[in-house]
Amino acid sequence: MKVTTLSKNWLFRAVALMFGIICCGFTYAASVEIENPKVSYYVDYEGMTFQVLNEATEPLHLELIEVSEDVKGDVILPDEFIMTWWEGSIFKPIKAVIKRIADNAFEKGSPKQISIPSSVKSIGAYALAHAPNKVTLNKGLQYLGCRAFIGSYISSIDLPESLMYIDYGCFMHCSYLRRIYLPSTLKAFAGATFKWCIHLEDIYCAASVPPEADDSDFGFEPFVGTPYCQLETNPNVNKYCVIHVPEESIELYKNAPGWKNFVTFVPLTEADIIASTQQIEESAATPSQIDYTTDNGQLLVTVKPGDNVSVYDTNGLCLQKASYSAPDTFSFKGSGIVVLHVNGNSVKVVL
């Protein structure tokens, strides 16, 4: 199978322009000489690599495999591509839609805002980890993968009215996260969903039946919303995060596994549901506020009295932590990607 890019043929450029105008969005156009339609193949567009999942039938189903390190601005994935296939002696325009976001898709890129179209049904493990500070998810998404958002800088997010399952540790270490809306379609968490979300103030859940959860989903180290290193005398009570649920379901939540550890339950209002269609931005510390340097695999952090510093790997395992009563320097030696926490703020560091 051979893919020929537009730059090699003026006719391809003309066809691409025509379909681009029709689509009113970014398009990818390519000439494809089909040798075996059942063979998987890849296409590239503006630093993003897609795999075609099905045969040459319309619409083509695509999976976003990788975003290159050159992608740093806003990424708005389209609802639809128009591709141009070359079959024998004719052009065949064919529609294509993105069905999946692959594991680690945004690992190399550093976009600050990402919009996922309604065609996407699942988002893979670590797909949106660490990088974005704003993500828009549209109705159609059904599954969020293991640690999909771990360590990201989002402060508020609305999960769409189609999502059914959130896999293990999806929002772990999202220390900027203050507000989240969970849809009425949500059925279950897989564990450790909000562990170490220490600034989470409000969880809005529209499900009339409490989504299946356990204590790990809301964290013991500490519970969500608990001020950094402030331990409660009763570890089974969370009084810091407010749970907004349908009024008729409050008693169900108060007695449901995981959920019952919260203290404050309030009725979900119509205004709350309307607000779920808008991203509510909360002020949050930026990584630049953490004073650190690296040198030959060594991480150095300048600390002040009262600072609490910890280092985690990307699986959420604590590698080192310390608290300080006087000015000092925190030192950690390692390699690879680690997550540095200082007083509840976090930043990804490559050693």
Protein backbone atom coordinates (compact mmCIF):
# COMPACT_ATOMS: atom_id res chain seq x y z
CA MET A 1 0.00 0.00 0.00
CA LYS A 2 1.34 3.42 -0.95
CA VAL A 3 0.30 6.84 0.33
CA THR A 4 1.14 9.89 -1.75
CA THR A 5 0.90 13.30 -0.07
CA LEU A 6 -0.72 16.35 -1.62
CA SER A 7 2.56 18.17 -2.12
CA LYS A 8 3.53 15.75 -4.86
CA ASN A 9 0.62 16.48 -7.15
CA TRP A 10 -1.22 19.74 -7.92
CA LEU A 11 -4.40 17.82 -8.69
CA PHE A 12 -4.46 16.40 -5.19
CA ARG A 13 -4.16 19.96 -3.85
CA ALA A 14 -7.15 21.09 -5.83
CA VAL A 15 -9.30 18.18 -4.65
CA ALA A 16 -8.24 18.74 -1.04
CA LEU A 17 -9.12 22.43 -1.23
CA MET A 18 -12.55 21.68 -2.63
CA PHE A 19 -13.42 19.22 0.10
CA GLY A 20 -11.85 21.43 2.76
CA ILE A 21 -14.28 24.20 1.87
CA ILE A 22 -17.20 21.80 2.07
CA CYS A 23 -16.20 20.43 5.47
CA CYS A 24 -15.52 23.77 7.20
CA GLY A 25 -12.92 22.17 9.40
CA PHE A 26 -9.40 20.87 9.06
CA THR A 27 -9.15 18.06 6.55
CA TYR A 28 -6.67 15.45 5.57
CA ALA A 29 -6.54 14.50 1.89
CA ALA A 30 -4.40 11.73 0.49
CA SER A 31 -4.20 9.51 -2.56
CA VAL A 32 -4.18 5.85 -1.58
CA GLU A 33 -3.37 3.04 -3.97
CA ILE A 34 -5.30 0.11 -2.50
CA GLU A 35 -3.45 -3.17 -2.68
CA ASN A 36 -5.28 -4.87 0.18
CA PRO A 37 -8.09 -2.97 1.91
CA LYS A 38 -7.84 -5.23 4.98
CA VAL A 39 -4.27 -4.19 5.77
CA SER A 40 -4.00 -1.58 8.54
CA TYR A 41 -2.28 1.63 7.54
CA TYR A 42 -1.51 5.06 8.98
CA VAL A 43 -2.06 8.67 7.95
CA ASP A 44 -0.44 11.84 9.32
CA TYR A 45 -1.79 15.34 9.73
CA GLU A 46 -0.11 18.36 11.37
CA GLY A 47 1.98 16.34 13.80
CA MET A 48 -0.72 13.77 14.57
CA THR A 49 -0.67 10.12 13.48
CA PHE A 50 -3.88 8.17 12.89
CA GLN A 51 -4.45 4.49 12.26
CA VAL A 52 -7.31 3.36 10.04
CA LEU A 53 -9.27 0.68 11.88
CA ASN A 54 -11.70 -0.65 9.27
CA GLU A 55 -11.70 -1.53 5.61
CA ALA A 56 -12.23 0.98 2.83
CA THR A 57 -15.88 1.49 3.77
CA GLU A 58 -17.46 4.82 4.57
CA PRO A 59 -16.95 6.26 7.06
CA LEU A 60 -13.42 5.16 7.82
CA HIS A 61 -12.82 4.68 11.53
CA LEU A 62 -9.62 6.26 12.84
CA GLU A 63 -7.65 5.98 16.06
CA LEU A 64 -5.40 8.85 17.16
CA ILE A 65 -2.12 7.05 17.85
CA GLU A 66 0.37 9.79 18.60
CA VAL A 67 0.74 13.55 18.86
CA SER A 68 4.27 14.78 18.14
CA GLU A 69 6.31 16.99 20.46
CA ASP A 70 5.84 19.88 18.02
CA VAL A 71 2.13 20.12 18.89
CA LYS A 72 1.96 22.75 21.63
CA GLY A 73 -1.08 24.92 20.93
CA ASP A 74 -4.78 24.14 21.08
CA VAL A 75 -5.87 20.85 19.53
CA ILE A 76 -9.43 20.75 18.19
CA LEU A 77 -10.02 17.33 16.68
CA PRO A 78 -12.62 17.38 13.88
CA ASP A 79 -15.96 15.65 13.84
CA GLU A 80 -15.14 14.43 10.37
CA PHE A 81 -12.27 14.10 7.90
CA ILE A 82 -12.59 14.06 4.15
CA MET A 83 -9.96 11.80 2.55
CA THR A 84 -9.40 11.30 -1.17
CA TRP A 85 -8.75 7.73 -2.26
CA TRP A 86 -7.20 6.87 -5.59
CA GLU A 87 -8.83 3.77 -7.05
CA GLY A 88 -7.56 2.82 -10.46
CA SER A 89 -8.08 6.00 -12.50
CA ILE A 90 -10.63 7.88 -10.35
CA PHE A 91 -10.69 9.87 -7.12
CA LYS A 92 -13.04 8.69 -4.41
CA PRO A 93 -13.83 11.13 -1.59
CA ILE A 94 -14.52 9.23 1.59
CA LYS A 95 -15.52 10.38 5.07
CA ALA A 96 -13.52 9.40 8.15
CA VAL A 97 -14.24 9.84 11.86
CA ILE A 98 -12.09 9.40 14.97
CA LYS A 99 -13.38 6.54 17.10
CA ARG A 100 -10.62 6.13 19.69
CA ILE A 101 -7.79 7.97 21.39
CA ALA A 102 -4.95 5.49 21.92
CA ASP A 103 -2.92 4.87 25.09
CA ASN A 104 -0.31 7.61 25.69
CA ALA A 105 -1.52 9.52 22.62
CA PHE A 106 -0.51 12.96 23.96
CA GLU A 107 2.64 11.77 25.76
CA LYS A 108 5.02 13.67 23.45
CA GLY A 109 2.89 16.70 22.60
CA SER A 110 2.16 19.56 24.99
CA PRO A 111 -1.18 21.09 23.96
CA LYS A 112 -2.78 23.34 26.55
CA GLN A 113 -6.35 22.85 25.41
CA ILE A 114 -7.86 19.78 23.77
CA SER A 115 -11.33 19.27 22.28
CA ILE A 116 -12.46 15.68 21.69
CA PRO A 117 -15.29 15.19 19.13
CA SER A 118 -18.49 13.27 19.75
CA SER A 119 -17.35 10.50 17.40
CA VAL A 120 -14.77 9.32 19.97
CA LYS A 121 -16.12 6.42 22.04
CA SER A 122 -13.09 5.59 24.20
CA ILE A 123 -9.95 7.27 25.52
CA GLY A 124 -7.00 5.03 26.38
CA ALA A 125 -4.64 4.75 29.35
CA TYR A 126 -2.49 7.83 30.09
CA ALA A 127 -3.85 9.43 26.91
CA LEU A 128 -4.29 12.91 28.43
CA ALA A 129 -1.85 12.59 31.33
CA HIS A 130 0.09 15.57 32.67
CA ALA A 131 -0.18 18.00 29.77
CA PRO A 132 -3.54 19.76 29.26
CA ASN A 133 -5.14 22.40 31.48
CA LYS A 134 -8.47 22.35 29.66
CA VAL A 135 -10.20 19.40 28.00
CA THR A 136 -13.62 19.43 26.34
CA LEU A 137 -15.32 16.05 26.02
CA ASN A 138 -18.42 15.81 23.85
CA LYS A 139 -21.43 13.53 24.13
CA GLY A 140 -20.64 10.14 22.61
CA LEU A 141 -17.72 9.18 24.83
CA GLN A 142 -18.38 5.95 26.76
CA TYR A 143 -15.09 4.97 28.39
CA LEU A 144 -12.18 6.77 30.09
CA GLY A 145 -9.03 4.66 30.40
CA CYS A 146 -6.69 3.83 33.26
CA ARG A 147 -4.94 6.98 34.56
CA ALA A 148 -6.13 8.84 31.47
CA PHE A 149 -5.80 12.24 33.19
CA ILE A 150 -3.17 11.46 35.86
CA GLY A 151 -1.26 14.56 36.89
CA SER A 152 -2.97 16.88 34.41
CA TYR A 153 -3.49 20.58 35.13
CA ILE A 154 -7.25 20.70 34.62
CA SER A 155 -9.14 22.72 37.24
CA SER A 156 -12.67 21.90 36.08
CA ILE A 157 -14.14 19.27 33.77
CA ASP A 158 -17.58 18.13 32.63
CA LEU A 159 -17.93 14.48 31.66
CA PRO A 160 -20.55 13.98 28.92
CA GLU A 161 -23.99 12.43 29.16
CA SER A 162 -22.90 9.19 27.51
CA LEU A 163 -19.94 8.16 29.68
CA MET A 164 -20.51 4.83 31.43
CA TYR A 165 -17.20 3.66 32.90
CA ILE A 166 -14.12 5.35 34.41
CA ASP A 167 -11.08 3.08 34.70
CA TYR A 168 -8.54 2.85 37.52
CA GLY A 169 -6.85 6.04 38.76
CA CYS A 170 -8.29 8.16 35.94
CA PHE A 171 -7.90 11.52 37.76
CA MET A 172 -5.20 10.50 40.24
CA HIS A 173 -2.83 13.33 41.23
CA CYS A 174 -4.91 16.03 39.52
CA SER A 175 -4.02 18.45 42.28
CA TYR A 176 -5.45 21.49 40.46
CA LEU A 177 -8.87 19.87 40.00
CA ARG A 178 -11.56 21.73 41.96
CA ARG A 179 -14.81 20.79 40.23
CA ILE A 180 -16.08 17.82 38.24
CA TYR A 181 -19.46 16.95 36.73
CA LEU A 182 -20.34 13.25 36.47
CA PRO A 183 -23.19 12.35 34.08
CA SER A 184 -26.40 10.47 34.75
CA THR A 185 -25.15 7.65 32.49
CA LEU A 186 -22.12 6.83 34.70
CA LYS A 187 -22.23 3.27 36.06
CA ALA A 188 -18.94 2.62 37.84
CA PHE A 189 -15.43 3.64 38.86
CA ALA A 190 -12.61 1.09 38.83
CA GLY A 191 -10.73 2.36 41.91
CA ALA A 192 -8.45 5.24 43.01
CA THR A 193 -10.33 7.58 40.66
CA PHE A 194 -9.73 10.81 42.61
CA LYS A 195 -6.81 9.78 44.81
CA TRP A 196 -4.67 12.78 45.73
CA CYS A 197 -7.11 15.30 44.23
CA ILE A 198 -6.46 17.41 47.31
CA HIS A 199 -8.16 20.60 46.07
CA LEU A 200 -11.37 19.02 44.80
CA GLU A 201 -14.21 21.05 46.30
CA ASP A 202 -17.34 19.94 44.45
CA ILE A 203 -18.45 16.69 42.80
CA TYR A 204 -21.67 17.00 40.79
CA CYS A 205 -23.19 13.62 39.96
CA ALA A 206 -26.44 13.43 37.98
CA ALA A 207 -26.85 9.64 38.31
CA SER A 208 -29.99 8.70 40.24
CA VAL A 209 -28.31 5.44 41.27
CA PRO A 210 -24.87 6.00 42.84
CA PRO A 211 -22.13 4.87 40.46
CA GLU A 212 -20.35 1.82 41.81
CA ALA A 213 -17.39 2.93 43.93
CA ASP A 214 -15.29 1.98 46.95
CA ASP A 215 -13.18 3.86 49.48
CA SER A 216 -10.16 3.92 47.17
CA ASP A 217 -11.97 6.03 44.58
CA PHE A 218 -11.96 8.99 46.93
CA GLY A 219 -8.56 8.34 48.45
CA PHE A 220 -7.07 7.73 51.86
CA GLU A 221 -3.83 9.66 51.35
CA PRO A 222 -5.63 11.99 51.91
CA PHE A 223 -9.30 12.06 50.96
CA VAL A 224 -10.22 14.31 48.05
CA GLY A 225 -10.30 17.96 49.03
CA THR A 226 -8.37 17.41 52.24
CA PRO A 227 -5.73 20.12 52.82
CA TYR A 228 -2.23 18.81 52.19
CA CYS A 229 -0.95 16.62 55.06
CA GLN A 230 -3.95 17.49 57.27
CA LEU A 231 -5.04 14.13 58.62
CA GLU A 232 -8.45 13.53 60.14
CA THR A 233 -8.96 11.81 63.48
CA ASN A 234 -11.66 9.72 61.79
CA PRO A 235 -10.24 8.41 58.51
CA ASN A 236 -13.69 7.32 57.33
CA VAL A 237 -15.15 10.84 57.22
CA ASN A 238 -14.62 13.40 54.46
CA LYS A 239 -15.95 16.83 55.35
CA TYR A 240 -14.06 18.90 52.79
CA CYS A 241 -15.68 17.99 49.47
CA VAL A 242 -19.37 18.75 48.74
CA ILE A 243 -21.39 16.13 46.85
CA HIS A 244 -24.21 17.43 44.62
CA VAL A 245 -26.67 14.68 43.64
CA PRO A 246 -30.36 14.37 42.68
CA GLU A 247 -32.43 15.27 45.75
CA GLU A 248 -34.39 12.02 45.68
CA SER A 249 -31.11 10.05 45.70
CA ILE A 250 -29.32 11.71 48.60
CA GLU A 251 -30.10 8.89 51.04
CA LEU A 252 -28.88 6.31 48.51
CA TYR A 253 -25.55 8.13 48.23
CA LYS A 254 -25.23 8.46 52.01
CA ASN A 255 -25.38 4.67 52.26
CA ALA A 256 -23.48 3.68 49.11
CA PRO A 257 -19.93 2.23 49.28
CA GLY A 258 -17.31 4.95 48.89
CA TRP A 259 -19.86 7.75 48.73
CA LYS A 260 -20.98 7.25 52.32
CA ASN A 261 -17.65 8.58 53.63
CA PHE A 262 -18.62 12.12 52.64
CA VAL A 263 -20.41 14.40 55.11
CA THR A 264 -22.02 17.10 52.95
CA PHE A 265 -24.65 16.15 50.39
CA VAL A 266 -26.77 18.81 48.68
CA PRO A 267 -29.46 18.61 45.98
CA LEU A 268 -28.30 18.91 42.39
CA THR A 269 -30.08 21.89 40.83
CA GLU A 270 -31.10 22.65 37.27
CA ALA A 271 -28.50 25.43 37.27
CA ASP A 272 -25.82 22.86 38.13
CA ILE A 273 -26.82 20.76 35.15
CA ILE A 274 -26.83 23.75 32.82
CA ALA A 275 -23.42 24.76 34.12
CA SER A 276 -22.13 21.35 33.12
CA THR A 277 -22.18 22.47 29.50
CA GLN A 278 -19.66 25.18 30.29
CA GLN A 279 -16.09 24.79 31.50
CA ILE A 280 -15.86 26.72 34.78
CA GLU A 281 -12.29 27.94 35.11
CA GLU A 282 -10.77 28.05 38.57
CA SER A 283 -7.59 29.87 39.44
CA ALA A 284 -4.75 27.47 40.14
CA ALA A 285 -1.04 27.66 40.72
CA THR A 286 1.11 27.18 37.64
CA PRO A 287 4.11 24.86 37.50
CA SER A 288 6.40 27.89 37.32
CA GLN A 289 5.54 28.66 40.94
CA ILE A 290 7.51 25.59 42.00
CA ASP A 291 11.17 26.53 42.40
CA TYR A 292 13.17 23.50 41.21
CA THR A 293 16.17 22.62 39.05
CA THR A 294 17.57 19.41 37.56
CA ASP A 295 21.18 18.38 37.09
CA ASN A 296 22.37 14.99 35.76
CA GLY A 297 19.31 13.10 37.02
CA GLN A 298 19.13 14.99 40.31
CA LEU A 299 16.05 17.02 41.22
CA LEU A 300 16.65 19.97 43.56
CA VAL A 301 13.86 21.98 45.19
CA THR A 302 14.38 25.15 47.21
CA VAL A 303 12.04 24.90 50.21
CA LYS A 304 10.72 27.27 52.87
CA PRO A 305 9.53 26.60 56.44
CA GLY A 306 6.25 24.69 56.32
CA ASP A 307 6.80 23.25 52.83
CA ASN A 308 5.78 19.66 52.12
CA VAL A 309 7.55 18.05 49.17
CA SER A 310 7.00 14.64 47.57
CA VAL A 311 8.00 12.85 44.38
CA TYR A 312 5.87 10.19 42.65
CA ASP A 313 6.34 7.98 39.64
CA THR A 314 3.73 7.95 36.86
CA ASN A 315 1.99 4.97 38.46
CA GLY A 316 1.25 6.99 41.59
CA LEU A 317 3.93 5.36 43.78
CA CYS A 318 5.54 7.73 46.29
CA LEU A 319 9.32 7.67 45.78
CA GLN A 320 10.35 10.24 48.38
CA LYS A 321 8.73 12.89 50.60
CA ALA A 322 9.72 15.33 53.33
CA SER A 323 8.40 18.23 55.42
CA TYR A 324 10.46 21.24 56.44
CA SER A 325 10.53 23.61 59.43
CA ALA A 326 13.43 25.71 58.13
CA PRO A 327 14.81 26.83 54.73
CA ASP A 328 16.53 23.95 52.99
CA THR A 329 16.99 22.07 49.70
CA PHE A 330 15.05 18.92 48.85
CA SER A 331 17.09 16.48 46.74
CA PHE A 332 15.93 13.47 44.72
CA LYS A 333 18.03 11.28 42.43
CA GLY A 334 16.37 9.26 39.68
CA SER A 335 15.61 8.88 36.00
CA GLY A 336 12.64 9.10 33.66
CA ILE A 337 9.41 11.01 34.29
CA VAL A 338 8.40 11.85 37.87
CA VAL A 339 5.67 14.04 39.35
CA LEU A 340 6.85 16.65 41.86
CA HIS A 341 4.37 17.87 44.50
CA VAL A 342 5.02 20.98 46.60
CA ASN A 343 2.25 22.04 48.99
CA GLY A 344 -0.43 20.52 46.77
CA ASN A 345 0.86 21.97 43.49
CA SER A 346 2.37 19.55 41.01
CA VAL A 347 4.57 19.51 37.93
CA LYS A 348 5.90 16.79 35.59
CA VAL A 349 9.70 16.59 35.66
CA VAL A 350 11.89 14.64 33.24
CA LEU A 351 15.17 13.43 34.80
